[in-house]
Amino acid sequence: MLQRALAHLSCHLPSQCLLCHAWPAQRFCAACVAHFARPQLRCPACALPRQRPDQPCAGCHKADWPLDQTLATLRYAYPWIAPIQHFKFREHTGLAQPFAMLMRQQPALAHCLADADQIIPMPLSNARLRARGFNPSLLLARALCHSKVNTRLLARPRDTAAQSSLTRHQRWHNVQDAYQVIDAGAVARSQHILLLDDVMTTGASLCAAARTLRQAGARQVSALVLARTE
């Protein structure tokens, strides 16, 4: 409880902006947020940039996309790559709160969080969790809506190659059957499950998790990601 309170306080204290290095500022100053985190029109299913966001893109239709909706806050591009990598790989866990604040600025997020019965942060395998020491998706989920986070519905019992080291085609095969439902009863009782991940590249991991949840009886599965590659 004290750790969460300190993290919440630190994101409001004067600091140096990680993007433009202005001082004093928050971790991401208002000017950088206005310039680099402007909402984009995106496909409602896969969150790729799109001129008409009212209909899923052709690729989602062809692939039998298992996600009802995907929300993305940032482009995984300059200047966000460095702070996101520091958060994911260099244990800068204090960035969870500032990133969550950016995610809350997304117009559709409030409704999505309110409608979701359960929020499932994308699980890591035990080997990956031991190596990294924490799950970035779990930190983001707790910073957004701690009361709805459930880490006991979905697991990743099989350790697979890191997605970042694989080609687009290999990523889809790499995560097949990688996820397992722990509590099928709770999944079936949920009207709406929201998966949360830090970065979405091809969507292979999120889709594999969504298909596993649907096979267990999930009625609606959406996804929320901090950043989307384009």
C-alpha atoms as a PDB file:
ATOM      1  CA  MET A   1       0.000   0.000   0.000  1.00  0.00           C
ATOM      2  CA  LEU A   2       2.801   2.448   0.935  1.00  0.00           C
ATOM      3  CA  GLN A   3       4.710   1.595  -2.243  1.00  0.00           C
ATOM      4  CA  ARG A   4       1.652   2.338  -4.419  1.00  0.00           C
ATOM      5  CA  ALA A   5       1.062   5.625  -2.589  1.00  0.00           C
ATOM      6  CA  LEU A   6       4.667   6.707  -3.124  1.00  0.00           C
ATOM      7  CA  ALA A   7       4.525   5.759  -6.800  1.00  0.00           C
ATOM      8  CA  HIS A   8       1.296   7.737  -7.218  1.00  0.00           C
ATOM      9  CA  LEU A   9       2.850  10.749  -5.476  1.00  0.00           C
ATOM     10  CA  SER A  10       6.078  10.609  -7.491  1.00  0.00           C
ATOM     11  CA  CYS A  11       4.265  10.882 -10.823  1.00  0.00           C
ATOM     12  CA  HIS A  12       2.830  14.250  -9.710  1.00  0.00           C
ATOM     13  CA  LEU A  13       6.048  15.718  -8.333  1.00  0.00           C
ATOM     14  CA  PRO A  14       8.300  17.996 -10.417  1.00  0.00           C
ATOM     15  CA  SER A  15      10.792  16.006 -12.425  1.00  0.00           C
ATOM     16  CA  GLN A  16      12.607  16.043 -15.761  1.00  0.00           C
ATOM     17  CA  CYS A  17      10.604  15.164 -18.847  1.00  0.00           C
ATOM     18  CA  LEU A  18      12.016  11.961 -20.327  1.00  0.00           C
ATOM     19  CA  LEU A  19      11.315  13.175 -23.847  1.00  0.00           C
ATOM     20  CA  CYS A  20      12.416  16.821 -24.061  1.00  0.00           C
ATOM     21  CA  HIS A  21      14.358  16.962 -20.751  1.00  0.00           C
ATOM     22  CA  ALA A  22      12.490  20.067 -19.615  1.00  0.00           C
ATOM     23  CA  TRP A  23      12.772  20.846 -15.890  1.00  0.00           C
ATOM     24  CA  PRO A  24      10.685  21.009 -13.799  1.00  0.00           C
ATOM     25  CA  ALA A  25       8.011  18.873 -15.392  1.00  0.00           C
ATOM     26  CA  GLN A  26       6.274  15.556 -14.945  1.00  0.00           C
ATOM     27  CA  ARG A  27       7.844  12.427 -16.409  1.00  0.00           C
ATOM     28  CA  PHE A  28       6.161  13.372 -19.690  1.00  0.00           C
ATOM     29  CA  CYS A  29       5.523  17.100 -19.881  1.00  0.00           C
ATOM     30  CA  ALA A  30       2.262  18.543 -21.190  1.00  0.00           C
ATOM     31  CA  ALA A  31       3.877  19.895 -24.350  1.00  0.00           C
ATOM     32  CA  CYS A  32       5.366  16.504 -25.300  1.00  0.00           C
ATOM     33  CA  VAL A  33       2.123  14.703 -24.547  1.00  0.00           C
ATOM     34  CA  ALA A  34       0.189  17.142 -26.727  1.00  0.00           C
ATOM     35  CA  HIS A  35       2.685  16.730 -29.568  1.00  0.00           C
ATOM     36  CA  PHE A  36       3.644  13.046 -29.395  1.00  0.00           C
ATOM     37  CA  ALA A  37       0.587  11.360 -27.832  1.00  0.00           C
ATOM     38  CA  ARG A  38      -2.236  12.769 -29.916  1.00  0.00           C
ATOM     39  CA  PRO A  39      -5.069  10.255 -30.455  1.00  0.00           C
ATOM     40  CA  GLN A  40      -5.017   8.548 -33.859  1.00  0.00           C
ATOM     41  CA  LEU A  41      -7.776   7.061 -35.955  1.00  0.00           C
ATOM     42  CA  ARG A  42      -7.287   3.309 -35.677  1.00  0.00           C
ATOM     43  CA  CYS A  43      -8.912   0.081 -36.772  1.00  0.00           C
ATOM     44  CA  PRO A  44     -11.276  -0.886 -33.928  1.00  0.00           C
ATOM     45  CA  ALA A  45     -10.176  -4.527 -34.104  1.00  0.00           C
ATOM     46  CA  CYS A  46      -6.378  -4.457 -34.498  1.00  0.00           C
ATOM     47  CA  ALA A  47      -5.567  -0.788 -33.679  1.00  0.00           C
ATOM     48  CA  LEU A  48      -3.534  -0.150 -36.812  1.00  0.00           C
ATOM     49  CA  PRO A  49      -3.762   3.443 -38.129  1.00  0.00           C
ATOM     50  CA  ARG A  50      -6.699   3.864 -40.448  1.00  0.00           C
ATOM     51  CA  GLN A  51      -8.591   6.690 -42.125  1.00  0.00           C
ATOM     52  CA  ARG A  52     -11.997   5.184 -41.288  1.00  0.00           C
ATOM     53  CA  PRO A  53     -12.097   3.741 -37.771  1.00  0.00           C
ATOM     54  CA  ASP A  54     -15.759   2.731 -37.928  1.00  0.00           C
ATOM     55  CA  GLN A  55     -15.047  -0.625 -39.612  1.00  0.00           C
ATOM     56  CA  PRO A  56     -12.315  -3.274 -39.106  1.00  0.00           C
ATOM     57  CA  CYS A  57      -9.635  -3.388 -41.777  1.00  0.00           C
ATOM     58  CA  ALA A  58      -9.566  -6.131 -44.412  1.00  0.00           C
ATOM     59  CA  GLY A  59      -6.761  -8.008 -42.656  1.00  0.00           C
ATOM     60  CA  CYS A  60      -8.820  -8.447 -39.491  1.00  0.00           C
ATOM     61  CA  HIS A  61     -11.749  -9.898 -41.449  1.00  0.00           C
ATOM     62  CA  LYS A  62      -9.543 -12.379 -43.280  1.00  0.00           C
ATOM     63  CA  ALA A  63      -7.702 -13.551 -40.183  1.00  0.00           C
ATOM     64  CA  ASP A  64     -10.847 -14.315 -38.141  1.00  0.00           C
ATOM     65  CA  TRP A  65      -9.626 -11.798 -35.585  1.00  0.00           C
ATOM     66  CA  PRO A  66     -10.616 -12.999 -32.069  1.00  0.00           C
ATOM     67  CA  LEU A  67     -10.509  -9.576 -30.390  1.00  0.00           C
ATOM     68  CA  ASP A  68     -13.723  -7.574 -30.317  1.00  0.00           C
ATOM     69  CA  GLN A  69     -11.844  -4.327 -29.798  1.00  0.00           C
ATOM     70  CA  THR A  70      -8.248  -3.165 -29.440  1.00  0.00           C
ATOM     71  CA  LEU A  71      -7.272   0.184 -27.958  1.00  0.00           C
ATOM     72  CA  ALA A  72      -3.747   1.571 -28.327  1.00  0.00           C
ATOM     73  CA  THR A  73      -2.468   4.773 -26.750  1.00  0.00           C
ATOM     74  CA  LEU A  74       0.916   5.405 -28.376  1.00  0.00           C
ATOM     75  CA  ARG A  75       2.809   4.678 -31.575  1.00  0.00           C
ATOM     76  CA  TYR A  76       5.757   2.398 -30.803  1.00  0.00           C
ATOM     77  CA  ALA A  77       8.118   4.835 -32.468  1.00  0.00           C
ATOM     78  CA  TYR A  78      10.237   7.859 -31.605  1.00  0.00           C
ATOM     79  CA  PRO A  79      10.239   9.251 -28.949  1.00  0.00           C
ATOM     80  CA  TRP A  80       8.429   6.514 -27.017  1.00  0.00           C
ATOM     81  CA  ILE A  81      10.685   3.539 -27.773  1.00  0.00           C
ATOM     82  CA  ALA A  82      13.400   4.474 -25.273  1.00  0.00           C
ATOM     83  CA  PRO A  83      11.166   5.090 -22.215  1.00  0.00           C
ATOM     84  CA  ILE A  84       9.091   1.988 -22.979  1.00  0.00           C
ATOM     85  CA  GLN A  85      12.221  -0.151 -23.240  1.00  0.00           C
ATOM     86  CA  HIS A  86      13.521   1.327 -19.986  1.00  0.00           C
ATOM     87  CA  PHE A  87      10.224   0.379 -18.366  1.00  0.00           C
ATOM     88  CA  LYS A  88      10.180  -3.160 -19.790  1.00  0.00           C
ATOM     89  CA  PHE A  89      13.809  -4.203 -19.687  1.00  0.00           C
ATOM     90  CA  ARG A  90      15.692  -1.906 -17.295  1.00  0.00           C
ATOM     91  CA  GLU A  91      13.411  -2.120 -14.265  1.00  0.00           C
ATOM     92  CA  HIS A  92      12.196   1.478 -14.444  1.00  0.00           C
ATOM     93  CA  THR A  93       8.976   0.306 -12.815  1.00  0.00           C
ATOM     94  CA  GLY A  94       8.119   3.815 -11.618  1.00  0.00           C
ATOM     95  CA  LEU A  95       7.060   4.624 -15.185  1.00  0.00           C
ATOM     96  CA  ALA A  96       3.940   2.482 -14.785  1.00  0.00           C
ATOM     97  CA  GLN A  97       1.997   5.387 -13.264  1.00  0.00           C
ATOM     98  CA  PRO A  98       2.957   8.027 -15.889  1.00  0.00           C
ATOM     99  CA  PHE A  99       2.213   5.557 -18.682  1.00  0.00           C
ATOM    100  CA  ALA A 100      -1.140   4.742 -17.080  1.00  0.00           C
ATOM    101  CA  MET A 101      -1.938   8.462 -16.977  1.00  0.00           C
ATOM    102  CA  LEU A 102      -1.297   8.645 -20.727  1.00  0.00           C
ATOM    103  CA  MET A 103      -3.555   5.638 -21.307  1.00  0.00           C
ATOM    104  CA  ARG A 104      -6.363   7.271 -19.328  1.00  0.00           C
ATOM    105  CA  GLN A 105      -6.388  10.184 -21.770  1.00  0.00           C
ATOM    106  CA  GLN A 106      -7.651   7.879 -24.504  1.00  0.00           C
ATOM    107  CA  PRO A 107     -11.306   8.816 -25.116  1.00  0.00           C
ATOM    108  CA  ALA A 108     -12.641   5.252 -25.272  1.00  0.00           C
ATOM    109  CA  LEU A 109     -10.714   3.906 -22.299  1.00  0.00           C
ATOM    110  CA  ALA A 110     -13.081   4.978 -19.514  1.00  0.00           C
ATOM    111  CA  HIS A 111     -16.001   3.096 -21.057  1.00  0.00           C
ATOM    112  CA  CYS A 112     -13.862   0.038 -21.774  1.00  0.00           C
ATOM    113  CA  LEU A 113     -12.566  -0.150 -18.198  1.00  0.00           C
ATOM    114  CA  ALA A 114     -16.060   0.366 -16.771  1.00  0.00           C
ATOM    115  CA  ASP A 115     -17.549  -2.333 -19.013  1.00  0.00           C
ATOM    116  CA  ALA A 116     -14.863  -4.965 -18.375  1.00  0.00           C
ATOM    117  CA  ASP A 117     -15.589  -7.603 -15.734  1.00  0.00           C
ATOM    118  CA  GLN A 118     -11.981  -8.740 -15.493  1.00  0.00           C
ATOM    119  CA  ILE A 119      -8.676  -7.212 -16.583  1.00  0.00           C
ATOM    120  CA  ILE A 120      -6.032  -9.805 -17.392  1.00  0.00           C
ATOM    121  CA  PRO A 121      -2.459  -8.591 -17.793  1.00  0.00           C
ATOM    122  CA  MET A 122      -0.724 -10.721 -20.396  1.00  0.00           C
ATOM    123  CA  PRO A 123       1.094 -13.402 -18.363  1.00  0.00           C
ATOM    124  CA  LEU A 124       4.773 -14.230 -18.687  1.00  0.00           C
ATOM    125  CA  SER A 125       6.176 -17.734 -18.468  1.00  0.00           C
ATOM    126  CA  ASN A 126       7.806 -18.606 -15.155  1.00  0.00           C
ATOM    127  CA  ALA A 127      11.243 -18.559 -16.764  1.00  0.00           C
ATOM    128  CA  ARG A 128      10.672 -15.127 -18.329  1.00  0.00           C
ATOM    129  CA  LEU A 129       9.246 -13.755 -15.074  1.00  0.00           C
ATOM    130  CA  ARG A 130      12.254 -14.974 -13.084  1.00  0.00           C
ATOM    131  CA  ALA A 131      14.660 -13.444 -15.603  1.00  0.00           C
ATOM    132  CA  ARG A 132      12.876 -10.081 -15.725  1.00  0.00           C
ATOM    133  CA  GLY A 133      11.783  -9.919 -12.107  1.00  0.00           C
ATOM    134  CA  PHE A 134       8.362  -8.355 -12.799  1.00  0.00           C
ATOM    135  CA  ASN A 135       5.566  -8.259 -15.344  1.00  0.00           C
ATOM    136  CA  PRO A 136       5.253  -4.797 -16.965  1.00  0.00           C
ATOM    137  CA  SER A 137       1.697  -5.509 -18.096  1.00  0.00           C
ATOM    138  CA  LEU A 138       0.666  -6.297 -14.529  1.00  0.00           C
ATOM    139  CA  LEU A 139       2.098  -2.993 -13.275  1.00  0.00           C
ATOM    140  CA  LEU A 140       0.176  -1.081 -15.948  1.00  0.00           C
ATOM    141  CA  ALA A 141      -3.042  -2.953 -15.164  1.00  0.00           C
ATOM    142  CA  ARG A 142      -2.786  -2.230 -11.450  1.00  0.00           C
ATOM    143  CA  ALA A 143      -2.051   1.436 -12.132  1.00  0.00           C
ATOM    144  CA  LEU A 144      -5.157   1.675 -14.322  1.00  0.00           C
ATOM    145  CA  CYS A 145      -7.778  -0.263 -12.371  1.00  0.00           C
ATOM    146  CA  HIS A 146      -6.394  -2.331  -9.515  1.00  0.00           C
ATOM    147  CA  SER A 147      -9.788  -3.631  -8.351  1.00  0.00           C
ATOM    148  CA  LYS A 148     -10.511  -5.486 -11.610  1.00  0.00           C
ATOM    149  CA  VAL A 149      -7.093  -7.047 -12.192  1.00  0.00           C
ATOM    150  CA  ASN A 150      -7.121 -10.830 -12.086  1.00  0.00           C
ATOM    151  CA  THR A 151      -3.887 -12.806 -12.468  1.00  0.00           C
ATOM    152  CA  ARG A 152      -5.543 -16.156 -11.726  1.00  0.00           C
ATOM    153  CA  LEU A 153      -7.538 -16.672 -14.898  1.00  0.00           C
ATOM    154  CA  LEU A 154      -4.784 -17.133 -17.475  1.00  0.00           C
ATOM    155  CA  ALA A 155      -1.264 -18.574 -17.368  1.00  0.00           C
ATOM    156  CA  ARG A 156       1.588 -19.115 -19.780  1.00  0.00           C
ATOM    157  CA  PRO A 157       2.963 -22.517 -18.702  1.00  0.00           C
ATOM    158  CA  ARG A 158       5.099 -23.014 -21.799  1.00  0.00           C
ATOM    159  CA  ASP A 159       8.231 -20.940 -22.230  1.00  0.00           C
ATOM    160  CA  THR A 160       8.717 -19.899 -25.843  1.00  0.00           C
ATOM    161  CA  ALA A 161      11.285 -17.938 -27.793  1.00  0.00           C
ATOM    162  CA  ALA A 162      11.115 -14.168 -27.323  1.00  0.00           C
ATOM    163  CA  GLN A 163       8.696 -12.720 -29.866  1.00  0.00           C
ATOM    164  CA  SER A 164      11.087  -9.833 -30.571  1.00  0.00           C
ATOM    165  CA  SER A 165      13.621 -12.284 -32.028  1.00  0.00           C
ATOM    166  CA  LEU A 166      11.209 -13.785 -34.566  1.00  0.00           C
ATOM    167  CA  THR A 167       9.767 -12.847 -37.942  1.00  0.00           C
ATOM    168  CA  ARG A 168       6.115 -11.941 -38.307  1.00  0.00           C
ATOM    169  CA  HIS A 169       5.222 -15.433 -39.566  1.00  0.00           C
ATOM    170  CA  GLN A 170       7.213 -17.155 -36.810  1.00  0.00           C
ATOM    171  CA  ARG A 171       5.523 -15.111 -34.090  1.00  0.00           C
ATOM    172  CA  TRP A 172       2.090 -16.585 -34.853  1.00  0.00           C
ATOM    173  CA  HIS A 173       3.381 -20.166 -34.667  1.00  0.00           C
ATOM    174  CA  ASN A 174       5.509 -19.449 -31.603  1.00  0.00           C
ATOM    175  CA  VAL A 175       2.552 -18.690 -29.318  1.00  0.00           C
ATOM    176  CA  GLN A 176       0.149 -21.368 -30.484  1.00  0.00           C
ATOM    177  CA  ASP A 177      -1.141 -23.187 -27.390  1.00  0.00           C
ATOM    178  CA  ALA A 178       1.156 -21.065 -25.205  1.00  0.00           C
ATOM    179  CA  TYR A 179      -1.655 -19.981 -22.858  1.00  0.00           C
ATOM    180  CA  GLN A 180      -3.820 -21.943 -20.459  1.00  0.00           C
ATOM    181  CA  VAL A 181      -7.007 -21.022 -18.620  1.00  0.00           C
ATOM    182  CA  ILE A 182      -6.716 -21.560 -14.875  1.00  0.00           C
ATOM    183  CA  ASP A 183     -10.310 -20.885 -13.798  1.00  0.00           C
ATOM    184  CA  ALA A 184     -12.687 -21.817 -16.630  1.00  0.00           C
ATOM    185  CA  GLY A 185     -15.727 -21.125 -14.455  1.00  0.00           C
ATOM    186  CA  ALA A 186     -14.716 -17.525 -13.829  1.00  0.00           C
ATOM    187  CA  VAL A 187     -13.993 -17.045 -17.536  1.00  0.00           C
ATOM    188  CA  ALA A 188     -17.407 -18.376 -18.534  1.00  0.00           C
ATOM    189  CA  ARG A 189     -19.145 -16.112 -16.021  1.00  0.00           C
ATOM    190  CA  SER A 190     -17.410 -13.001 -17.353  1.00  0.00           C
ATOM    191  CA  GLN A 191     -19.338 -10.970 -19.889  1.00  0.00           C
ATOM    192  CA  HIS A 192     -16.301  -8.953 -20.951  1.00  0.00           C
ATOM    193  CA  ILE A 193     -12.606  -9.755 -20.438  1.00  0.00           C
ATOM    194  CA  LEU A 194     -10.000  -7.088 -21.141  1.00  0.00           C
ATOM    195  CA  LEU A 195      -6.467  -8.230 -21.968  1.00  0.00           C
ATOM    196  CA  LEU A 196      -3.731  -5.704 -21.246  1.00  0.00           C
ATOM    197  CA  ASP A 197      -0.266  -5.691 -22.811  1.00  0.00           C
ATOM    198  CA  ASP A 198       2.569  -3.187 -23.011  1.00  0.00           C
ATOM    199  CA  VAL A 199       3.490  -3.373 -26.716  1.00  0.00           C
ATOM    200  CA  MET A 200       1.546  -4.919 -29.598  1.00  0.00           C
ATOM    201  CA  THR A 201       3.506  -5.756 -32.742  1.00  0.00           C
ATOM    202  CA  THR A 202       1.699  -8.402 -34.809  1.00  0.00           C
ATOM    203  CA  GLY A 203      -0.989  -9.168 -32.236  1.00  0.00           C
ATOM    204  CA  ALA A 204      -0.006 -12.838 -32.192  1.00  0.00           C
ATOM    205  CA  SER A 205       0.240 -13.141 -28.403  1.00  0.00           C
ATOM    206  CA  LEU A 206      -2.976 -11.250 -27.723  1.00  0.00           C
ATOM    207  CA  CYS A 207      -4.866 -13.274 -30.323  1.00  0.00           C
ATOM    208  CA  ALA A 208      -3.550 -16.570 -28.941  1.00  0.00           C
ATOM    209  CA  ALA A 209      -4.670 -15.562 -25.444  1.00  0.00           C
ATOM    210  CA  ALA A 210      -8.058 -14.364 -26.739  1.00  0.00           C
ATOM    211  CA  ARG A 211      -8.701 -17.642 -28.570  1.00  0.00           C
ATOM    212  CA  THR A 212      -7.846 -19.612 -25.430  1.00  0.00           C
ATOM    213  CA  LEU A 213     -10.284 -17.514 -23.398  1.00  0.00           C
ATOM    214  CA  ARG A 214     -13.043 -17.899 -26.001  1.00  0.00           C
ATOM    215  CA  GLN A 215     -12.601 -21.662 -26.012  1.00  0.00           C
ATOM    216  CA  ALA A 216     -13.168 -21.527 -22.251  1.00  0.00           C
ATOM    217  CA  GLY A 217     -16.437 -19.646 -22.721  1.00  0.00           C
ATOM    218  CA  ALA A 218     -15.506 -15.962 -22.734  1.00  0.00           C
ATOM    219  CA  ARG A 219     -18.277 -13.948 -24.426  1.00  0.00           C
ATOM    220  CA  GLN A 220     -16.325 -10.795 -25.263  1.00  0.00           C
ATOM    221  CA  VAL A 221     -12.558 -10.272 -25.300  1.00  0.00           C
ATOM    222  CA  SER A 222     -10.972  -6.878 -25.875  1.00  0.00           C
ATOM    223  CA  ALA A 223      -7.389  -5.683 -25.705  1.00  0.00           C
ATOM    224  CA  LEU A 224      -5.701  -2.579 -24.359  1.00  0.00           C
ATOM    225  CA  VAL A 225      -2.064  -1.843 -25.165  1.00  0.00           C
ATOM    226  CA  LEU A 226       0.241   0.979 -24.231  1.00  0.00           C
ATOM    227  CA  ALA A 227       1.895   1.114 -27.656  1.00  0.00           C
ATOM    228  CA  ARG A 228       1.251  -0.303 -31.136  1.00  0.00           C
ATOM    229  CA  THR A 229       3.848  -0.786 -33.836  1.00  0.00           C
ATOM    230  CA  GLU A 230       2.830   0.436 -37.255  1.00  0.00           C
END
